[in-house]
Amino acid sequence: MKFEIKEEAKTDLLLAFSYYEDTSEGLGEKFFKAVEEAFGFIKKSPESYPVKRGVYRECRIKKFPFVAVYSVVNDSIVVYAVFNTWRNPNKKP
């Protein structure tokens, strides 16, 4: 399957990386590794995560308060957001 990360999700990732790296050197890199691991799980078994809203599925990012919000569209996996769960859930895609 094709794996696509929307610009909004890339922005989410960069903002979170910057925040964590500013908090503690190396923590941003740990965040990226946790996200890569979650993306690997999604790629391996995209339909194993529950549908939460409409067609959107969520995969928790281990050790961080984030979820990857994605959908399976035809032969593609599309990541729309890497959402901070401490934010208002109504702001999710």
PDB file of N, CA and C in Angstrom:
ATOM      1  N   MET A   1       0.834  -1.195   0.000  1.00  0.00           N
ATOM      2  CA  MET A   1       0.000   0.000   0.000  1.00  0.00           C
ATOM      3  C   MET A   1       0.871   1.248   0.000  1.00  0.00           C
ATOM      4  N   LYS A   2       0.378   2.258  -0.657  1.00  0.00           N
ATOM      5  CA  LYS A   2       1.045   3.559  -0.651  1.00  0.00           C
ATOM      6  C   LYS A   2       0.809   4.211   0.717  1.00  0.00           C
ATOM      7  N   PHE A   3       1.818   4.906   1.245  1.00  0.00           N
ATOM      8  CA  PHE A   3       1.732   5.566   2.548  1.00  0.00           C
ATOM      9  C   PHE A   3       1.990   7.057   2.342  1.00  0.00           C
ATOM     10  N   GLU A   4       0.993   7.868   2.661  1.00  0.00           N
ATOM     11  CA  GLU A   4       1.081   9.317   2.445  1.00  0.00           C
ATOM     12  C   GLU A   4       0.890  10.051   3.767  1.00  0.00           C
ATOM     13  N   ILE A   5       1.730  11.043   3.996  1.00  0.00           N
ATOM     14  CA  ILE A   5       1.600  11.900   5.173  1.00  0.00           C
ATOM     15  C   ILE A   5       1.254  13.298   4.682  1.00  0.00           C
ATOM     16  N   LYS A   6       0.079  13.772   5.045  1.00  0.00           N
ATOM     17  CA  LYS A   6      -0.376  15.103   4.627  1.00  0.00           C
ATOM     18  C   LYS A   6       0.496  16.188   5.264  1.00  0.00           C
ATOM     19  N   GLU A   7       0.535  17.347   4.634  1.00  0.00           N
ATOM     20  CA  GLU A   7       1.342  18.465   5.129  1.00  0.00           C
ATOM     21  C   GLU A   7       0.968  18.849   6.562  1.00  0.00           C
ATOM     22  N   GLU A   8      -0.325  18.793   6.889  1.00  0.00           N
ATOM     23  CA  GLU A   8      -0.769  19.140   8.241  1.00  0.00           C
ATOM     24  C   GLU A   8      -0.133  18.206   9.282  1.00  0.00           C
ATOM     25  N   ALA A   9      -0.045  16.924   8.938  1.00  0.00           N
ATOM     26  CA  ALA A   9       0.566  15.950   9.847  1.00  0.00           C
ATOM     27  C   ALA A   9       2.069  16.193   9.962  1.00  0.00           C
ATOM     28  N   LYS A  10       2.713  16.562   8.865  1.00  0.00           N
ATOM     29  CA  LYS A  10       4.138  16.881   8.911  1.00  0.00           C
ATOM     30  C   LYS A  10       4.385  18.084   9.814  1.00  0.00           C
ATOM     31  N   THR A  11       3.502  19.076   9.727  1.00  0.00           N
ATOM     32  CA  THR A  11       3.611  20.247  10.590  1.00  0.00           C
ATOM     33  C   THR A  11       3.438  19.845  12.050  1.00  0.00           C
ATOM     34  N   ASP A  12       2.444  18.990  12.327  1.00  0.00           N
ATOM     35  CA  ASP A  12       2.238  18.477  13.693  1.00  0.00           C
ATOM     36  C   ASP A  12       3.510  17.829  14.220  1.00  0.00           C
ATOM     37  N   LEU A  13       4.138  17.016  13.389  1.00  0.00           N
ATOM     38  CA  LEU A  13       5.350  16.302  13.792  1.00  0.00           C
ATOM     39  C   LEU A  13       6.496  17.262  14.099  1.00  0.00           C
ATOM     40  N   LEU A  14       6.675  18.243  13.245  1.00  0.00           N
ATOM     41  CA  LEU A  14       7.768  19.201  13.452  1.00  0.00           C
ATOM     42  C   LEU A  14       7.558  20.041  14.703  1.00  0.00           C
ATOM     43  N   LEU A  15       6.323  20.459  14.945  1.00  0.00           N
ATOM     44  CA  LEU A  15       6.025  21.242  16.148  1.00  0.00           C
ATOM     45  C   LEU A  15       6.263  20.416  17.413  1.00  0.00           C
ATOM     46  N   ALA A  16       5.812  19.171  17.390  1.00  0.00           N
ATOM     47  CA  ALA A  16       6.005  18.298  18.554  1.00  0.00           C
ATOM     48  C   ALA A  16       7.486  18.009  18.763  1.00  0.00           C
ATOM     49  N   PHE A  17       8.216  17.746  17.667  1.00  0.00           N
ATOM     50  CA  PHE A  17       9.653  17.500  17.767  1.00  0.00           C
ATOM     51  C   PHE A  17      10.348  18.702  18.411  1.00  0.00           C
ATOM     52  N   SER A  18      10.040  19.892  17.923  1.00  0.00           N
ATOM     53  CA  SER A  18      10.667  21.108  18.462  1.00  0.00           C
ATOM     54  C   SER A  18      10.357  21.282  19.938  1.00  0.00           C
ATOM     55  N   TYR A  19       9.100  21.053  20.304  1.00  0.00           N
ATOM     56  CA  TYR A  19       8.710  21.173  21.711  1.00  0.00           C
ATOM     57  C   TYR A  19       9.508  20.202  22.577  1.00  0.00           C
ATOM     58  N   TYR A  20       9.545  18.942  22.183  1.00  0.00           N
ATOM     59  CA  TYR A  20      10.236  17.939  22.986  1.00  0.00           C
ATOM     60  C   TYR A  20      11.738  18.182  23.018  1.00  0.00           C
ATOM     61  N   GLU A  21      12.303  18.601  21.893  1.00  0.00           N
ATOM     62  CA  GLU A  21      13.741  18.850  21.855  1.00  0.00           C
ATOM     63  C   GLU A  21      14.105  20.058  22.727  1.00  0.00           C
ATOM     64  N   ASP A  22      13.230  21.073  22.754  1.00  0.00           N
ATOM     65  CA  ASP A  22      13.453  22.234  23.622  1.00  0.00           C
ATOM     66  C   ASP A  22      13.318  21.857  25.093  1.00  0.00           C
ATOM     67  N   THR A  23      12.455  20.886  25.369  1.00  0.00           N
ATOM     68  CA  THR A  23      12.240  20.431  26.746  1.00  0.00           C
ATOM     69  C   THR A  23      13.445  19.660  27.261  1.00  0.00           C
ATOM     70  N   SER A  24      13.961  18.759  26.425  1.00  0.00           N
ATOM     71  CA  SER A  24      15.099  17.939  26.830  1.00  0.00           C
ATOM     72  C   SER A  24      15.809  17.433  25.569  1.00  0.00           C
ATOM     73  N   GLU A  25      17.081  17.748  25.467  1.00  0.00           N
ATOM     74  CA  GLU A  25      17.835  17.334  24.291  1.00  0.00           C
ATOM     75  C   GLU A  25      17.744  15.816  24.104  1.00  0.00           C
ATOM     76  N   GLY A  26      17.394  15.413  22.893  1.00  0.00           N
ATOM     77  CA  GLY A  26      17.253  13.995  22.570  1.00  0.00           C
ATOM     78  C   GLY A  26      15.829  13.484  22.677  1.00  0.00           C
ATOM     79  N   LEU A  27      14.964  14.211  23.372  1.00  0.00           N
ATOM     80  CA  LEU A  27      13.582  13.759  23.531  1.00  0.00           C
ATOM     81  C   LEU A  27      12.811  13.855  22.213  1.00  0.00           C
ATOM     82  N   GLY A  28      13.139  14.854  21.403  1.00  0.00           N
ATOM     83  CA  GLY A  28      12.509  14.974  20.086  1.00  0.00           C
ATOM     84  C   GLY A  28      12.811  13.765  19.227  1.00  0.00           C
ATOM     85  N   GLU A  29      14.051  13.293  19.296  1.00  0.00           N
ATOM     86  CA  GLU A  29      14.439  12.110  18.527  1.00  0.00           C
ATOM     87  C   GLU A  29      13.690  10.869  19.023  1.00  0.00           C
ATOM     88  N   LYS A  30      13.519  10.751  20.326  1.00  0.00           N
ATOM     89  CA  LYS A  30      12.741   9.633  20.875  1.00  0.00           C
ATOM     90  C   LYS A  30      11.290   9.702  20.395  1.00  0.00           C
ATOM     91  N   PHE A  31      10.749  10.915  20.314  1.00  0.00           N
ATOM     92  CA  PHE A  31       9.393  11.088  19.804  1.00  0.00           C
ATOM     93  C   PHE A  31       9.315  10.603  18.352  1.00  0.00           C
ATOM     94  N   PHE A  32      10.266  11.042  17.514  1.00  0.00           N
ATOM     95  CA  PHE A  32      10.275  10.618  16.112  1.00  0.00           C
ATOM     96  C   PHE A  32      10.368   9.097  15.993  1.00  0.00           C
ATOM     97  N   LYS A  33      11.189   8.472  16.811  1.00  0.00           N
ATOM     98  CA  LYS A  33      11.312   7.007  16.762  1.00  0.00           C
ATOM     99  C   LYS A  33      10.004   6.331  17.142  1.00  0.00           C
ATOM    100  N   ALA A  34       9.302   6.883  18.140  1.00  0.00           N
ATOM    101  CA  ALA A  34       8.004   6.322  18.538  1.00  0.00           C
ATOM    102  C   ALA A  34       6.981   6.482  17.410  1.00  0.00           C
ATOM    103  N   VAL A  35       7.035   7.610  16.714  1.00  0.00           N
ATOM    104  CA  VAL A  35       6.122   7.840  15.580  1.00  0.00           C
ATOM    105  C   VAL A  35       6.447   6.873  14.446  1.00  0.00           C
ATOM    106  N   GLU A  36       7.726   6.703  14.152  1.00  0.00           N
ATOM    107  CA  GLU A  36       8.128   5.748  13.105  1.00  0.00           C
ATOM    108  C   GLU A  36       7.648   4.338  13.433  1.00  0.00           C
ATOM    109  N   GLU A  37       7.739   3.966  14.697  1.00  0.00           N
ATOM    110  CA  GLU A  37       7.265   2.649  15.120  1.00  0.00           C
ATOM    111  C   GLU A  37       5.753   2.526  14.891  1.00  0.00           C
ATOM    112  N   ALA A  38       5.012   3.565  15.270  1.00  0.00           N
ATOM    113  CA  ALA A  38       3.555   3.552  15.064  1.00  0.00           C
ATOM    114  C   ALA A  38       3.230   3.473  13.574  1.00  0.00           C
ATOM    115  N   PHE A  39       3.951   4.238  12.757  1.00  0.00           N
ATOM    116  CA  PHE A  39       3.718   4.188  11.306  1.00  0.00           C
ATOM    117  C   PHE A  39       4.003   2.784  10.771  1.00  0.00           C
ATOM    118  N   GLY A  40       5.012   2.131  11.307  1.00  0.00           N
ATOM    119  CA  GLY A  40       5.315   0.762  10.897  1.00  0.00           C
ATOM    120  C   GLY A  40       4.167  -0.189  11.206  1.00  0.00           C
ATOM    121  N   PHE A  41       3.579  -0.031  12.404  1.00  0.00           N
ATOM    122  CA  PHE A  41       2.422  -0.861  12.768  1.00  0.00           C
ATOM    123  C   PHE A  41       1.240  -0.588  11.837  1.00  0.00           C
ATOM    124  N   ILE A  42       1.036   0.684  11.520  1.00  0.00           N
ATOM    125  CA  ILE A  42      -0.071   1.055  10.625  1.00  0.00           C
ATOM    126  C   ILE A  42       0.148   0.424   9.250  1.00  0.00           C
ATOM    127  N   LYS A  43       1.362   0.536   8.723  1.00  0.00           N
ATOM    128  CA  LYS A  43       1.659  -0.022   7.398  1.00  0.00           C
ATOM    129  C   LYS A  43       1.466  -1.537   7.377  1.00  0.00           C
ATOM    130  N   LYS A  44       1.859  -2.183   8.466  1.00  0.00           N
ATOM    131  CA  LYS A  44       1.781  -3.644   8.538  1.00  0.00           C
ATOM    132  C   LYS A  44       0.334  -4.131   8.612  1.00  0.00           C
ATOM    133  N   SER A  45      -0.496  -3.414   9.365  1.00  0.00           N
ATOM    134  CA  SER A  45      -1.871  -3.863   9.577  1.00  0.00           C
ATOM    135  C   SER A  45      -2.810  -2.655   9.723  1.00  0.00           C
ATOM    136  N   PRO A  46      -3.049  -1.939   8.638  1.00  0.00           N
ATOM    137  CA  PRO A  46      -3.782  -0.676   8.710  1.00  0.00           C
ATOM    138  C   PRO A  46      -5.223  -0.777   9.208  1.00  0.00           C
ATOM    139  N   GLU A  47      -5.845  -1.901   9.003  1.00  0.00           N
ATOM    140  CA  GLU A  47      -7.246  -2.008   9.399  1.00  0.00           C
ATOM    141  C   GLU A  47      -7.432  -2.596  10.790  1.00  0.00           C
ATOM    142  N   SER A  48      -6.325  -2.816  11.505  1.00  0.00           N
ATOM    143  CA  SER A  48      -6.447  -3.375  12.847  1.00  0.00           C
ATOM    144  C   SER A  48      -6.772  -2.322  13.900  1.00  0.00           C
ATOM    145  N   TYR A  49      -6.607  -1.062  13.553  1.00  0.00           N
ATOM    146  CA  TYR A  49      -6.921   0.012  14.502  1.00  0.00           C
ATOM    147  C   TYR A  49      -8.367   0.435  14.310  1.00  0.00           C
ATOM    148  N   PRO A  50      -9.057   0.779  15.407  1.00  0.00           N
ATOM    149  CA  PRO A  50     -10.491   1.066  15.313  1.00  0.00           C
ATOM    150  C   PRO A  50     -10.814   2.372  14.585  1.00  0.00           C
ATOM    151  N   VAL A  51     -11.951   2.370  13.929  1.00  0.00           N
ATOM    152  CA  VAL A  51     -12.480   3.589  13.318  1.00  0.00           C
ATOM    153  C   VAL A  51     -13.076   4.406  14.453  1.00  0.00           C
ATOM    154  N   LYS A  52     -12.659   5.662  14.560  1.00  0.00           N
ATOM    155  CA  LYS A  52     -13.112   6.526  15.653  1.00  0.00           C
ATOM    156  C   LYS A  52     -14.168   7.528  15.205  1.00  0.00           C
ATOM    157  N   ARG A  53     -13.959   8.148  14.079  1.00  0.00           N
ATOM    158  CA  ARG A  53     -14.879   9.155  13.540  1.00  0.00           C
ATOM    159  C   ARG A  53     -14.964   8.977  12.038  1.00  0.00           C
ATOM    160  N   GLY A  54     -16.147   8.710  11.550  1.00  0.00           N
ATOM    161  CA  GLY A  54     -16.309   8.549  10.097  1.00  0.00           C
ATOM    162  C   GLY A  54     -15.401   7.456   9.573  1.00  0.00           C
ATOM    163  N   VAL A  55     -14.425   7.839   8.753  1.00  0.00           N
ATOM    164  CA  VAL A  55     -13.476   6.881   8.163  1.00  0.00           C
ATOM    165  C   VAL A  55     -12.111   6.936   8.832  1.00  0.00           C
ATOM    166  N   TYR A  56     -11.965   7.774   9.850  1.00  0.00           N
ATOM    167  CA  TYR A  56     -10.667   7.991  10.492  1.00  0.00           C
ATOM    168  C   TYR A  56     -10.373   6.944  11.559  1.00  0.00           C
ATOM    169  N   ARG A  57      -9.152   6.446  11.518  1.00  0.00           N
ATOM    170  CA  ARG A  57      -8.659   5.501  12.513  1.00  0.00           C
ATOM    171  C   ARG A  57      -7.581   6.195  13.334  1.00  0.00           C
ATOM    172  N   GLU A  58      -7.307   5.657  14.517  1.00  0.00           N
ATOM    173  CA  GLU A  58      -6.302   6.249  15.380  1.00  0.00           C
ATOM    174  C   GLU A  58      -5.350   5.177  15.900  1.00  0.00           C
ATOM    175  N   CYS A  59      -4.074   5.518  15.857  1.00  0.00           N
ATOM    176  CA  CYS A  59      -3.026   4.665  16.412  1.00  0.00           C
ATOM    177  C   CYS A  59      -2.282   5.483  17.457  1.00  0.00           C
ATOM    178  N   ARG A  60      -2.242   4.978  18.695  1.00  0.00           N
ATOM    179  CA  ARG A  60      -1.538   5.686  19.775  1.00  0.00           C
ATOM    180  C   ARG A  60      -0.028   5.637  19.551  1.00  0.00           C
ATOM    181  N   ILE A  61       0.612   6.755  19.879  1.00  0.00           N
ATOM    182  CA  ILE A  61       2.067   6.830  19.844  1.00  0.00           C
ATOM    183  C   ILE A  61       2.563   6.457  21.244  1.00  0.00           C
ATOM    184  N   LYS A  62       3.314   5.365  21.344  1.00  0.00           N
ATOM    185  CA  LYS A  62       3.756   4.878  22.656  1.00  0.00           C
ATOM    186  C   LYS A  62       4.604   5.922  23.387  1.00  0.00           C
ATOM    187  N   LYS A  63       4.336   6.052  24.687  1.00  0.00           N
ATOM    188  CA  LYS A  63       5.078   6.906  25.615  1.00  0.00           C
ATOM    189  C   LYS A  63       4.883   8.405  25.385  1.00  0.00           C
ATOM    190  N   PHE A  64       4.028   8.785  24.455  1.00  0.00           N
ATOM    191  CA  PHE A  64       3.752  10.198  24.200  1.00  0.00           C
ATOM    192  C   PHE A  64       2.241  10.388  24.073  1.00  0.00           C
ATOM    193  N   PRO A  65       1.729  11.561  24.439  1.00  0.00           N
ATOM    194  CA  PRO A  65       0.273  11.776  24.400  1.00  0.00           C
ATOM    195  C   PRO A  65      -0.223  12.172  23.003  1.00  0.00           C
ATOM    196  N   PHE A  66       0.074  11.332  22.021  1.00  0.00           N
ATOM    197  CA  PHE A  66      -0.300  11.616  20.638  1.00  0.00           C
ATOM    198  C   PHE A  66      -0.957  10.394  20.009  1.00  0.00           C
ATOM    199  N   VAL A  67      -1.788  10.659  19.009  1.00  0.00           N
ATOM    200  CA  VAL A  67      -2.329   9.611  18.156  1.00  0.00           C
ATOM    201  C   VAL A  67      -2.094  10.005  16.703  1.00  0.00           C
ATOM    202  N   ALA A  68      -1.838   9.018  15.863  1.00  0.00           N
ATOM    203  CA  ALA A  68      -1.777   9.235  14.423  1.00  0.00           C
ATOM    204  C   ALA A  68      -3.197   9.021  13.899  1.00  0.00           C
ATOM    205  N   VAL A  69      -3.737  10.035  13.240  1.00  0.00           N
ATOM    206  CA  VAL A  69      -5.086   9.963  12.686  1.00  0.00           C
ATOM    207  C   VAL A  69      -4.936   9.690  11.188  1.00  0.00           C
ATOM    208  N   TYR A  70      -5.509   8.569  10.744  1.00  0.00           N
ATOM    209  CA  TYR A  70      -5.326   8.168   9.352  1.00  0.00           C
ATOM    210  C   TYR A  70      -6.570   7.477   8.820  1.00  0.00           C
ATOM    211  N   SER A  71      -6.569   7.260   7.510  1.00  0.00           N
ATOM    212  CA  SER A  71      -7.633   6.460   6.903  1.00  0.00           C
ATOM    213  C   SER A  71      -7.022   5.586   5.817  1.00  0.00           C
ATOM    214  N   VAL A  72      -7.757   4.548   5.483  1.00  0.00           N
ATOM    215  CA  VAL A  72      -7.370   3.668   4.392  1.00  0.00           C
ATOM    216  C   VAL A  72      -8.290   4.011   3.225  1.00  0.00           C
ATOM    217  N   VAL A  73      -7.671   4.502   2.149  1.00  0.00           N
ATOM    218  CA  VAL A  73      -8.425   4.938   0.978  1.00  0.00           C
ATOM    219  C   VAL A  73      -7.935   4.140  -0.219  1.00  0.00           C
ATOM    220  N   ASN A  74      -8.815   3.266  -0.721  1.00  0.00           N
ATOM    221  CA  ASN A  74      -8.462   2.375  -1.831  1.00  0.00           C
ATOM    222  C   ASN A  74      -7.183   1.611  -1.490  1.00  0.00           C
ATOM    223  N   ASP A  75      -6.078   1.873  -2.200  1.00  0.00           N
ATOM    224  CA  ASP A  75      -4.828   1.160  -1.930  1.00  0.00           C
ATOM    225  C   ASP A  75      -3.810   2.069  -1.245  1.00  0.00           C
ATOM    226  N   SER A  76      -4.311   3.069  -0.512  1.00  0.00           N
ATOM    227  CA  SER A  76      -3.423   4.016   0.170  1.00  0.00           C
ATOM    228  C   SER A  76      -3.785   4.185   1.639  1.00  0.00           C
ATOM    229  N   ILE A  77      -2.756   4.447   2.428  1.00  0.00           N
ATOM    230  CA  ILE A  77      -2.928   4.850   3.818  1.00  0.00           C
ATOM    231  C   ILE A  77      -2.573   6.328   3.853  1.00  0.00           C
ATOM    232  N   VAL A  78      -3.490   7.139   4.369  1.00  0.00           N
ATOM    233  CA  VAL A  78      -3.276   8.581   4.406  1.00  0.00           C
ATOM    234  C   VAL A  78      -3.300   9.049   5.859  1.00  0.00           C
ATOM    235  N   VAL A  79      -2.177   9.643   6.315  1.00  0.00           N
ATOM    236  CA  VAL A  79      -2.080  10.187   7.663  1.00  0.00           C
ATOM    237  C   VAL A  79      -2.449  11.666   7.582  1.00  0.00           C
ATOM    238  N   TYR A  80      -3.498  12.041   8.314  1.00  0.00           N
ATOM    239  CA  TYR A  80      -4.002  13.415   8.278  1.00  0.00           C
ATOM    240  C   TYR A  80      -3.459  14.275   9.413  1.00  0.00           C
ATOM    241  N   ALA A  81      -3.157  13.658  10.547  1.00  0.00           N
ATOM    242  CA  ALA A  81      -2.700  14.424  11.699  1.00  0.00           C
ATOM    243  C   ALA A  81      -1.937  13.518  12.657  1.00  0.00           C
ATOM    244  N   VAL A  82      -1.040  14.136  13.399  1.00  0.00           N
ATOM    245  CA  VAL A  82      -0.430  13.497  14.557  1.00  0.00           C
ATOM    246  C   VAL A  82      -0.868  14.400  15.702  1.00  0.00           C
ATOM    247  N   PHE A  83      -1.936  13.959  16.352  1.00  0.00           N
ATOM    248  CA  PHE A  83      -2.716  14.815  17.239  1.00  0.00           C
ATOM    249  C   PHE A  83      -2.316  14.653  18.696  1.00  0.00           C
ATOM    250  N   ASN A  84      -2.109  15.778  19.358  1.00  0.00           N
ATOM    251  CA  ASN A  84      -1.812  15.796  20.786  1.00  0.00           C
ATOM    252  C   ASN A  84      -3.115  15.555  21.542  1.00  0.00           C
ATOM    253  N   THR A  85      -3.204  14.472  22.282  1.00  0.00           N
ATOM    254  CA  THR A  85      -4.454  14.110  22.960  1.00  0.00           C
ATOM    255  C   THR A  85      -4.781  15.025  24.132  1.00  0.00           C
ATOM    256  N   TRP A  86      -3.849  15.890  24.516  1.00  0.00           N
ATOM    257  CA  TRP A  86      -4.131  16.858  25.574  1.00  0.00           C
ATOM    258  C   TRP A  86      -4.903  18.055  25.038  1.00  0.00           C
ATOM    259  N   ARG A  87      -5.014  18.164  23.705  1.00  0.00           N
ATOM    260  CA  ARG A  87      -5.771  19.258  23.091  1.00  0.00           C
ATOM    261  C   ARG A  87      -7.249  18.892  23.038  1.00  0.00           C
ATOM    262  N   ASN A  88      -8.044  19.860  22.666  1.00  0.00           N
ATOM    263  CA  ASN A  88      -9.483  19.675  22.524  1.00  0.00           C
ATOM    264  C   ASN A  88      -9.760  18.628  21.442  1.00  0.00           C
ATOM    265  N   PRO A  89     -10.436  17.524  21.774  1.00  0.00           N
ATOM    266  CA  PRO A  89     -10.688  16.461  20.773  1.00  0.00           C
ATOM    267  C   PRO A  89     -11.562  16.916  19.622  1.00  0.00           C
ATOM    268  N   ASN A  90     -12.292  18.000  19.782  1.00  0.00           N
ATOM    269  CA  ASN A  90     -13.119  18.509  18.688  1.00  0.00           C
ATOM    270  C   ASN A  90     -12.271  19.106  17.572  1.00  0.00           C
ATOM    271  N   LYS A  91     -10.989  19.313  17.807  1.00  0.00           N
ATOM    272  CA  LYS A  91     -10.108  19.865  16.783  1.00  0.00           C
ATOM    273  C   LYS A  91      -9.475  18.788  15.915  1.00  0.00           C
ATOM    274  N   LYS A  92      -9.753  17.523  16.199  1.00  0.00           N
ATOM    275  CA  LYS A  92      -9.248  16.431  15.372  1.00  0.00           C
ATOM    276  C   LYS A  92      -9.903  16.510  13.997  1.00  0.00           C
ATOM    277  N   PRO A  93      -9.220  15.988  12.979  1.00  0.00           N
ATOM    278  CA  PRO A  93      -9.835  15.963  11.635  1.00  0.00           C
ATOM    279  C   PRO A  93     -11.076  15.082  11.605  1.00  0.00           C
TER     280      PRO A  93
END
